[in-house]
Amino acid sequence: MPKVVIDVMLKPEIHDPQGDAIASACRRVGFDQVATVRQGKRFELELTEPASRERMAELAAELLANPVIEEFSIEHL
């Protein structure tokens, strides 16, 4: 079965409060070398048949990501 991974992240210019909280927690537990964290989502899809990158981008833009504040990458496995 074809597999696709779609990673969704906030755009760099969008503030990531959850990432800030994770970075702060890292420092509290002794990981002082952690400067920043960006938190995102990962979707692993198993397909019944191959799909084009354009079709997967359509799915990501319409359902998995908010294109106003998020960007995504697609990897065919």
C-alpha atoms as a PDB file:
ATOM      1  CA  MET A   1       0.000   0.000   0.000  1.00  0.00           C
ATOM      2  CA  PRO A   2       1.306   3.470  -0.808  1.00  0.00           C
ATOM      3  CA  LYS A   3       2.054   5.621   2.233  1.00  0.00           C
ATOM      4  CA  VAL A   4       2.220   9.384   2.565  1.00  0.00           C
ATOM      5  CA  VAL A   5       3.375  11.528   5.485  1.00  0.00           C
ATOM      6  CA  ILE A   6       2.070  15.074   5.790  1.00  0.00           C
ATOM      7  CA  ASP A   7       3.744  17.312   8.381  1.00  0.00           C
ATOM      8  CA  VAL A   8       1.915  20.501   9.382  1.00  0.00           C
ATOM      9  CA  MET A   9       3.665  23.364  11.201  1.00  0.00           C
ATOM     10  CA  LEU A  10       2.745  26.906  12.116  1.00  0.00           C
ATOM     11  CA  LYS A  11       4.276  29.411   9.719  1.00  0.00           C
ATOM     12  CA  PRO A  12       7.506  30.908  11.144  1.00  0.00           C
ATOM     13  CA  GLU A  13       5.907  34.316  11.669  1.00  0.00           C
ATOM     14  CA  ILE A  14       3.067  32.850  13.784  1.00  0.00           C
ATOM     15  CA  HIS A  15       3.677  32.757  17.541  1.00  0.00           C
ATOM     16  CA  ASP A  16       3.696  29.193  18.948  1.00  0.00           C
ATOM     17  CA  PRO A  17       2.610  29.338  22.622  1.00  0.00           C
ATOM     18  CA  GLN A  18       2.619  25.548  22.965  1.00  0.00           C
ATOM     19  CA  GLY A  19       6.177  25.424  21.652  1.00  0.00           C
ATOM     20  CA  ASP A  20       7.151  28.141  24.139  1.00  0.00           C
ATOM     21  CA  ALA A  21       5.636  26.109  26.992  1.00  0.00           C
ATOM     22  CA  ILE A  22       7.525  22.989  25.902  1.00  0.00           C
ATOM     23  CA  ALA A  23      10.818  24.906  25.654  1.00  0.00           C
ATOM     24  CA  SER A  24      10.267  26.361  29.127  1.00  0.00           C
ATOM     25  CA  ALA A  25       9.500  22.907  30.542  1.00  0.00           C
ATOM     26  CA  CYS A  26      12.672  21.521  28.936  1.00  0.00           C
ATOM     27  CA  ARG A  27      14.758  24.134  30.715  1.00  0.00           C
ATOM     28  CA  ARG A  28      12.965  23.499  34.029  1.00  0.00           C
ATOM     29  CA  VAL A  29      13.928  19.819  33.918  1.00  0.00           C
ATOM     30  CA  GLY A  30      17.558  20.510  33.103  1.00  0.00           C
ATOM     31  CA  PHE A  31      17.722  20.672  29.307  1.00  0.00           C
ATOM     32  CA  ASP A  32      19.184  24.176  29.273  1.00  0.00           C
ATOM     33  CA  GLN A  33      20.456  23.816  25.700  1.00  0.00           C
ATOM     34  CA  VAL A  34      16.873  23.902  24.318  1.00  0.00           C
ATOM     35  CA  ALA A  35      16.419  27.448  23.019  1.00  0.00           C
ATOM     36  CA  THR A  36      13.126  27.188  21.117  1.00  0.00           C
ATOM     37  CA  VAL A  37      10.525  24.590  20.181  1.00  0.00           C
ATOM     38  CA  ARG A  38       8.013  24.640  17.332  1.00  0.00           C
ATOM     39  CA  GLN A  39       5.162  22.182  17.805  1.00  0.00           C
ATOM     40  CA  GLY A  40       3.322  20.630  14.866  1.00  0.00           C
ATOM     41  CA  LYS A  41       1.202  17.745  13.610  1.00  0.00           C
ATOM     42  CA  ARG A  42       2.169  14.639  11.658  1.00  0.00           C
ATOM     43  CA  PHE A  43      -0.311  12.626   9.593  1.00  0.00           C
ATOM     44  CA  GLU A  44       0.593   9.178   8.242  1.00  0.00           C
ATOM     45  CA  LEU A  45      -1.773   8.019   5.521  1.00  0.00           C
ATOM     46  CA  GLU A  46      -2.011   4.566   3.938  1.00  0.00           C
ATOM     47  CA  LEU A  47      -3.660   4.801   0.540  1.00  0.00           C
ATOM     48  CA  THR A  48      -5.541   2.140  -1.393  1.00  0.00           C
ATOM     49  CA  GLU A  49      -3.826   3.374  -4.568  1.00  0.00           C
ATOM     50  CA  PRO A  50      -1.124   5.903  -5.453  1.00  0.00           C
ATOM     51  CA  ALA A  51      -2.085   9.583  -5.385  1.00  0.00           C
ATOM     52  CA  SER A  52      -0.290  12.525  -6.929  1.00  0.00           C
ATOM     53  CA  ARG A  53       1.533  15.115  -4.864  1.00  0.00           C
ATOM     54  CA  GLU A  54      -0.998  17.679  -6.121  1.00  0.00           C
ATOM     55  CA  ARG A  55      -3.884  15.573  -4.825  1.00  0.00           C
ATOM     56  CA  MET A  56      -2.219  15.152  -1.429  1.00  0.00           C
ATOM     57  CA  ALA A  57      -1.561  18.914  -1.291  1.00  0.00           C
ATOM     58  CA  GLU A  58      -5.248  19.490  -1.958  1.00  0.00           C
ATOM     59  CA  LEU A  59      -6.143  17.189   0.942  1.00  0.00           C
ATOM     60  CA  ALA A  60      -3.666  18.897   3.263  1.00  0.00           C
ATOM     61  CA  ALA A  61      -4.807  22.408   2.358  1.00  0.00           C
ATOM     62  CA  GLU A  62      -8.515  21.618   2.655  1.00  0.00           C
ATOM     63  CA  LEU A  63      -8.596  19.303   5.674  1.00  0.00           C
ATOM     64  CA  LEU A  64      -5.332  18.876   7.578  1.00  0.00           C
ATOM     65  CA  ALA A  65      -3.874  22.389   7.715  1.00  0.00           C
ATOM     66  CA  ASN A  66      -5.088  25.949   7.998  1.00  0.00           C
ATOM     67  CA  PRO A  67      -3.184  27.584   5.109  1.00  0.00           C
ATOM     68  CA  VAL A  68      -3.606  31.038   6.664  1.00  0.00           C
ATOM     69  CA  ILE A  69      -1.366  30.176   9.647  1.00  0.00           C
ATOM     70  CA  GLU A  70       0.140  26.773   8.817  1.00  0.00           C
ATOM     71  CA  GLU A  71       2.377  25.271   6.161  1.00  0.00           C
ATOM     72  CA  PHE A  72       2.769  21.613   5.265  1.00  0.00           C
ATOM     73  CA  SER A  73       5.201  19.233   3.644  1.00  0.00           C
ATOM     74  CA  ILE A  74       4.422  15.965   1.886  1.00  0.00           C
ATOM     75  CA  GLU A  75       6.608  12.872   1.766  1.00  0.00           C
ATOM     76  CA  HIS A  76       5.711   9.778  -0.255  1.00  0.00           C
ATOM     77  CA  LEU A  77       7.112   6.652   1.417  1.00  0.00           C
END
